[in-house]
Amino acid sequence: MLNLERLRTLDALARHGSVSGAADGLHVTTSAVSQQLAKLEREVGQPLLAKNGRGVRLTDAGRLLADHAARILSQVELAQSDIEAQRGRVVGDLTVVAFPTAARGLLPAALSALRMEHPQLRVQMREMEPDEAVRGVMRGDYDLAVVLDWYNRPLSMPEGLAKQELLHDPADVAMHVDHPLAGRDAVDLEEFADDDWVTWAEGEFCHEWLMFTLRGKGVEPRIAHVAEEHATQLALIAEGLGVCVAPRLGRGPVPDRVRVVPVRHAMRRHVYAVWRADADRRPSIRAAVDALCAAGEAVVG
């Protein structure tokens, strides 16, 4: 009889590509992963791993069993969902990941509502960029993710995920009060062709969107400063060190020396909740999505 936890360990290794990656995904030590895989090899009577430089790779038998493990674990997820749905109670553990401004501007209200309405549900939240969050939900590392895309740059969404739109988040341009465009009712992005920009880190979804959007308008942006937090970006703007895109969700107080001006052709982020389709019937998932929708409506309202 194949052990389910050992199959889960093999599946994690196949998905993450390394023992250390599997350990991180399963929140265990690398030693625990190695022990589980060694026991699984003894159970099946064949080598599942082979040395590959400093790491390991799956053998033919390992890949075959990993494919079966992925299907078995998906069926287990469906079975758990059906059992939870039949029971109809919102209990157990739920892991939620969200991009930073949603973690600040949306999740606190949603998590508070869940704690009040479903005290037997234990929710753990962590910040995570959208691409990584989607991959984590697909792998089964997390139950639910709050992600975003932009009006002109959709987020790639793999098959096997369900999603629910939560809100549209408008974004403005933030500039110093002495900027020549600070008194305008609306601006166009191309009017900032000669400005320095404060932006997110290279490789992050919003940074790549900004580069794509400005270049599409014939502007090659001059990146002066990089900051992860919007509050830090606005603090730099307050000192006259550039301009930035400032989404409204989770924005917080705007410094006195900063003006935020809408863009004439509105820039919007679309905010979604995503989860594995085979977990769709879990009451805990449905309750969390409902709480996020209510939080989103409160933000828009």
Protein backbone atom coordinates (compact mmCIF):
# COMPACT_ATOMS: atom_id res chain seq x y z
CA MET A 1 0.00 0.00 0.00
CA LEU A 2 1.47 3.35 -1.05
CA ASN A 3 1.69 5.93 1.72
CA LEU A 4 -0.19 9.14 0.91
CA GLU A 5 2.25 11.48 2.65
CA ARG A 6 5.16 9.93 0.78
CA LEU A 7 3.32 10.41 -2.49
CA ARG A 8 2.75 14.02 -1.47
CA THR A 9 6.49 14.39 -0.90
CA LEU A 10 7.27 12.91 -4.33
CA ASP A 11 4.71 15.23 -5.92
CA ALA A 12 6.35 18.22 -4.21
CA LEU A 13 9.77 17.18 -5.49
CA ALA A 14 8.41 16.84 -9.04
CA ARG A 15 6.75 20.26 -8.85
CA HIS A 16 9.59 22.16 -7.18
CA GLY A 17 12.48 20.37 -8.90
CA SER A 18 14.69 19.90 -5.85
CA VAL A 19 14.75 18.46 -2.34
CA SER A 20 15.14 21.92 -0.80
CA GLY A 21 12.25 23.28 -2.90
CA ALA A 22 10.03 20.37 -1.85
CA ALA A 23 10.98 20.97 1.79
CA ASP A 24 10.07 24.66 1.52
CA GLY A 25 6.76 23.85 -0.17
CA LEU A 26 5.84 21.26 2.46
CA HIS A 27 7.21 23.35 5.37
CA VAL A 28 9.45 20.51 6.54
CA THR A 29 13.21 19.92 6.65
CA THR A 30 15.24 18.59 3.73
CA SER A 31 16.12 15.61 5.92
CA ALA A 32 12.42 14.79 6.33
CA VAL A 33 11.93 14.92 2.55
CA SER A 34 14.89 12.62 1.95
CA GLN A 35 13.67 10.14 4.56
CA GLN A 36 10.16 10.02 3.08
CA LEU A 37 11.49 9.47 -0.43
CA ALA A 38 13.87 6.74 0.75
CA LYS A 39 10.95 4.92 2.40
CA LEU A 40 8.88 5.32 -0.78
CA GLU A 41 11.68 3.79 -2.85
CA ARG A 42 11.72 0.79 -0.52
CA GLU A 43 7.93 0.47 -0.81
CA VAL A 44 7.95 0.39 -4.62
CA GLY A 45 11.19 -1.58 -4.89
CA GLN A 46 12.68 0.72 -7.52
CA PRO A 47 14.94 3.79 -7.48
CA LEU A 48 12.88 6.94 -7.90
CA LEU A 49 15.75 9.45 -7.77
CA ALA A 50 19.13 9.68 -9.43
CA LYS A 51 22.01 12.07 -8.74
CA ASN A 52 22.13 15.07 -11.04
CA GLY A 53 25.18 17.21 -10.28
CA ARG A 54 24.69 18.51 -6.76
CA GLY A 55 20.97 17.77 -6.89
CA VAL A 56 18.69 14.92 -7.92
CA ARG A 57 16.38 14.09 -10.79
CA LEU A 58 13.47 11.70 -11.12
CA THR A 59 14.13 8.35 -12.76
CA ASP A 60 11.67 6.98 -15.31
CA ALA A 61 9.93 5.13 -12.48
CA GLY A 62 9.99 8.31 -10.41
CA ARG A 63 8.31 10.36 -13.16
CA LEU A 64 5.70 7.64 -13.70
CA LEU A 65 4.84 7.48 -10.00
CA ALA A 66 4.89 11.30 -9.71
CA ASP A 67 2.28 11.54 -12.48
CA HIS A 68 0.09 9.07 -10.61
CA ALA A 69 0.73 10.92 -7.34
CA ALA A 70 -0.53 14.21 -8.83
CA ARG A 71 -3.77 12.54 -9.92
CA ILE A 72 -4.19 10.73 -6.61
CA LEU A 73 -3.69 13.92 -4.61
CA SER A 74 -6.17 15.76 -6.83
CA GLN A 75 -8.74 13.04 -6.10
CA VAL A 76 -7.99 13.32 -2.40
CA GLU A 77 -8.60 17.09 -2.65
CA LEU A 78 -11.94 16.41 -4.34
CA ALA A 79 -12.87 13.87 -1.68
CA GLN A 80 -12.02 16.32 1.10
CA SER A 81 -14.05 19.02 -0.63
CA ASP A 82 -17.05 16.73 -0.96
CA ILE A 83 -16.82 15.65 2.68
CA GLU A 84 -16.56 19.27 3.84
CA ALA A 85 -19.44 20.25 1.58
CA GLN A 86 -21.64 17.47 2.95
CA ARG A 87 -20.74 18.42 6.51
CA GLY A 88 -21.42 22.06 5.64
CA ARG A 89 -19.24 23.47 8.43
CA VAL A 90 -16.56 26.12 7.99
CA VAL A 91 -13.75 24.62 10.05
CA GLY A 92 -10.11 23.61 9.73
CA ASP A 93 -7.10 25.44 8.30
CA LEU A 94 -6.94 27.82 5.36
CA THR A 95 -3.85 29.47 3.88
CA VAL A 96 -4.35 32.74 1.98
CA VAL A 97 -1.71 34.68 0.05
CA ALA A 98 -2.14 38.21 -1.30
CA PHE A 99 -0.12 40.91 -3.03
CA PRO A 100 0.99 43.63 -0.58
CA THR A 101 -1.63 46.35 -1.14
CA ALA A 102 -4.43 43.78 -0.95
CA ALA A 103 -2.85 42.36 2.19
CA ARG A 104 -3.05 45.87 3.66
CA GLY A 105 -6.25 47.23 2.14
CA LEU A 106 -8.48 44.16 1.78
CA LEU A 107 -7.41 41.21 3.91
CA PRO A 108 -7.70 42.71 7.43
CA ALA A 109 -11.46 43.30 7.06
CA ALA A 110 -12.02 39.93 5.41
CA LEU A 111 -10.02 38.00 8.01
CA SER A 112 -11.76 39.82 10.86
CA ALA A 113 -15.17 38.91 9.42
CA LEU A 114 -14.12 35.27 9.03
CA ARG A 115 -12.91 35.11 12.64
CA MET A 116 -16.20 36.52 13.92
CA GLU A 117 -18.48 34.38 11.72
CA HIS A 118 -16.44 31.15 11.71
CA PRO A 119 -14.37 30.92 14.90
CA GLN A 120 -13.38 27.30 14.20
CA LEU A 121 -11.66 28.29 10.94
CA ARG A 122 -7.94 28.97 11.34
CA VAL A 123 -6.66 31.29 8.60
CA GLN A 124 -3.02 32.04 7.91
CA MET A 125 -2.12 34.90 5.57
CA ARG A 126 1.14 35.94 3.91
CA GLU A 127 2.15 38.50 1.30
CA MET A 128 3.14 37.24 -2.13
CA GLU A 129 3.44 38.56 -5.68
CA PRO A 130 0.71 37.41 -8.11
CA ASP A 131 2.78 35.11 -10.35
CA GLU A 132 4.25 33.23 -7.40
CA ALA A 133 0.85 33.10 -5.68
CA VAL A 134 -0.83 31.51 -8.71
CA ARG A 135 1.91 28.89 -8.98
CA GLY A 136 1.60 28.16 -5.26
CA VAL A 137 -2.16 27.63 -5.47
CA MET A 138 -1.72 25.38 -8.50
CA ARG A 139 0.84 23.29 -6.61
CA GLY A 140 -1.48 23.04 -3.62
CA ASP A 141 0.89 24.96 -1.33
CA TYR A 142 -1.85 27.55 -0.59
CA ASP A 143 -5.63 27.33 -0.56
CA LEU A 144 -6.54 30.77 -1.85
CA ALA A 145 -4.73 33.72 -3.44
CA VAL A 146 -5.68 37.35 -3.98
CA VAL A 147 -4.00 38.44 -7.21
CA LEU A 148 -4.22 41.27 -9.72
CA ASP A 149 -3.80 42.16 -13.32
CA TRP A 150 -3.99 45.44 -15.21
CA TYR A 151 -6.57 46.67 -17.72
CA ASN A 152 -4.04 46.23 -20.54
CA ARG A 153 -1.91 43.36 -19.17
CA PRO A 154 -3.88 40.25 -18.05
CA LEU A 155 -2.35 37.79 -15.64
CA SER A 156 -1.75 34.34 -17.12
CA MET A 157 -4.21 31.98 -15.44
CA PRO A 158 -3.57 28.21 -15.81
CA GLU A 159 -6.34 25.69 -16.29
CA GLY A 160 -7.58 24.09 -13.11
CA LEU A 161 -8.15 27.35 -11.23
CA ALA A 162 -11.43 29.03 -10.33
CA LYS A 163 -11.59 32.78 -9.80
CA GLN A 164 -13.87 35.50 -8.46
CA GLU A 165 -13.48 39.19 -9.26
CA LEU A 166 -13.31 41.27 -6.08
CA LEU A 167 -12.95 44.88 -7.27
CA HIS A 168 -11.48 47.25 -9.82
CA ASP A 169 -8.75 49.41 -8.31
CA PRO A 170 -8.12 52.78 -10.01
CA ALA A 171 -4.56 54.12 -10.09
CA ASP A 172 -3.39 57.72 -10.28
CA VAL A 173 -0.04 59.41 -10.87
CA ALA A 174 1.62 60.82 -7.75
CA MET A 175 3.91 63.85 -8.04
CA HIS A 176 5.38 66.62 -5.91
CA VAL A 177 3.12 69.62 -5.25
CA ASP A 178 5.49 71.80 -7.27
CA HIS A 179 5.33 69.60 -10.35
CA PRO A 180 4.00 71.54 -13.38
CA LEU A 181 1.09 69.07 -13.72
CA ALA A 182 0.13 68.96 -10.02
CA GLY A 183 -2.79 71.35 -10.47
CA ARG A 184 -4.41 69.45 -13.31
CA ASP A 185 -7.70 67.54 -13.04
CA ALA A 186 -6.35 64.73 -15.24
CA VAL A 187 -3.09 63.81 -16.97
CA ASP A 188 -1.78 61.50 -19.68
CA LEU A 189 1.12 59.16 -18.96
CA GLU A 190 3.11 60.37 -21.95
CA GLU A 191 3.26 63.83 -20.34
CA PHE A 192 5.81 62.37 -17.90
CA ALA A 193 8.32 61.37 -20.59
CA ASP A 194 11.00 63.64 -19.09
CA ASP A 195 10.38 62.71 -15.45
CA ASP A 196 12.26 60.32 -13.21
CA TRP A 197 10.14 57.36 -12.07
CA VAL A 198 9.88 55.63 -8.72
CA THR A 199 8.74 52.07 -9.28
CA TRP A 200 8.58 48.52 -7.96
CA ALA A 201 11.44 46.03 -8.20
CA GLU A 202 12.37 44.69 -11.61
CA GLY A 203 10.60 41.41 -12.30
CA GLU A 204 7.54 42.24 -10.21
CA PHE A 205 4.24 42.15 -12.05
CA CYS A 206 3.45 45.87 -11.55
CA HIS A 207 6.94 46.97 -12.60
CA GLU A 208 6.71 44.95 -15.81
CA TRP A 209 3.27 46.44 -16.44
CA LEU A 210 4.60 49.99 -16.03
CA MET A 211 7.49 49.37 -18.46
CA PHE A 212 5.10 47.78 -20.97
CA THR A 213 2.57 50.62 -20.69
CA LEU A 214 5.01 53.53 -20.93
CA ARG A 215 6.92 51.99 -23.81
CA GLY A 216 3.61 51.40 -25.58
CA LYS A 217 3.12 55.17 -25.45
CA GLY A 218 6.57 55.84 -26.86
CA VAL A 219 8.13 56.70 -23.49
CA GLU A 220 11.36 55.05 -22.36
CA PRO A 221 11.09 55.46 -18.57
CA ARG A 222 14.01 56.73 -16.50
CA ILE A 223 13.95 54.63 -13.35
CA ALA A 224 15.45 56.70 -10.55
CA HIS A 225 14.41 54.75 -7.46
CA VAL A 226 13.00 51.33 -6.61
CA ALA A 227 10.82 50.72 -3.53
CA GLU A 228 8.54 47.81 -2.65
CA GLU A 229 6.11 49.71 -0.41
CA HIS A 230 3.80 52.40 -1.75
CA ALA A 231 4.34 54.46 1.40
CA THR A 232 8.07 54.50 0.65
CA GLN A 233 7.43 55.50 -2.95
CA LEU A 234 5.22 58.40 -1.82
CA ALA A 235 7.86 59.49 0.70
CA LEU A 236 10.35 59.75 -2.17
CA ILE A 237 7.83 61.70 -4.24
CA ALA A 238 7.32 64.09 -1.31
CA GLU A 239 11.00 65.01 -1.58
CA GLY A 240 10.67 65.77 -5.30
CA LEU A 241 12.59 62.67 -6.38
CA GLY A 242 10.29 61.58 -9.21
CA VAL A 243 6.76 60.49 -10.03
CA CYS A 244 5.02 57.13 -9.53
CA VAL A 245 1.83 55.23 -10.22
CA ALA A 246 -0.28 55.18 -7.04
CA PRO A 247 -3.11 52.60 -6.89
CA ARG A 248 -5.87 53.53 -4.46
CA LEU A 249 -6.27 50.15 -2.71
CA GLY A 250 -4.31 50.20 0.53
CA ARG A 251 -2.78 53.58 -0.34
CA GLY A 252 -3.02 55.12 3.12
CA PRO A 253 -2.43 58.80 3.90
CA VAL A 254 -0.82 60.84 1.13
CA PRO A 255 2.00 63.15 2.33
CA ASP A 256 1.20 66.87 2.29
CA ARG A 257 3.77 67.59 -0.41
CA VAL A 258 2.37 64.97 -2.78
CA ARG A 259 -0.49 65.37 -5.24
CA VAL A 260 -2.24 62.42 -6.86
CA VAL A 261 -3.91 63.14 -10.19
CA PRO A 262 -6.18 60.75 -12.14
CA VAL A 263 -5.13 59.58 -15.59
CA ARG A 264 -7.40 60.74 -18.38
CA HIS A 265 -7.76 57.24 -19.82
CA ALA A 266 -8.32 55.48 -16.51
CA MET A 267 -5.74 52.96 -15.33
CA ARG A 268 -7.28 50.13 -13.34
CA ARG A 269 -6.07 47.01 -11.62
CA HIS A 270 -8.43 44.04 -11.56
CA VAL A 271 -8.30 42.20 -8.23
CA TYR A 272 -9.30 38.53 -8.06
CA ALA A 273 -9.49 35.64 -5.65
CA VAL A 274 -8.25 32.37 -7.16
CA TRP A 275 -8.32 28.81 -5.87
CA ARG A 276 -8.05 25.26 -7.21
CA ALA A 277 -11.21 24.22 -9.03
CA ASP A 278 -11.12 20.80 -7.36
CA ALA A 279 -11.51 22.58 -3.98
CA ASP A 280 -14.48 24.63 -5.15
CA ARG A 281 -17.02 22.96 -2.87
CA ARG A 282 -15.05 23.44 0.35
CA PRO A 283 -17.17 25.60 2.69
CA SER A 284 -14.02 27.28 4.00
CA ILE A 285 -13.09 28.42 0.48
CA ARG A 286 -16.60 29.70 -0.20
CA ALA A 287 -16.71 31.53 3.14
CA ALA A 288 -13.34 33.18 2.51
CA VAL A 289 -14.34 34.27 -1.01
CA ASP A 290 -17.60 35.73 0.32
CA ALA A 291 -15.67 37.65 3.00
CA LEU A 292 -13.25 38.99 0.38
CA CYS A 293 -16.14 40.05 -1.85
CA ALA A 294 -17.74 41.93 1.04
CA ALA A 295 -14.43 43.60 1.86
CA GLY A 296 -14.04 44.55 -1.80
CA GLU A 297 -17.51 46.08 -1.92
CA ALA A 298 -16.72 48.12 1.19
CA VAL A 299 -13.53 49.46 -0.45
CA VAL A 300 -15.36 50.44 -3.64
CA GLY A 301 -18.26 51.90 -1.72
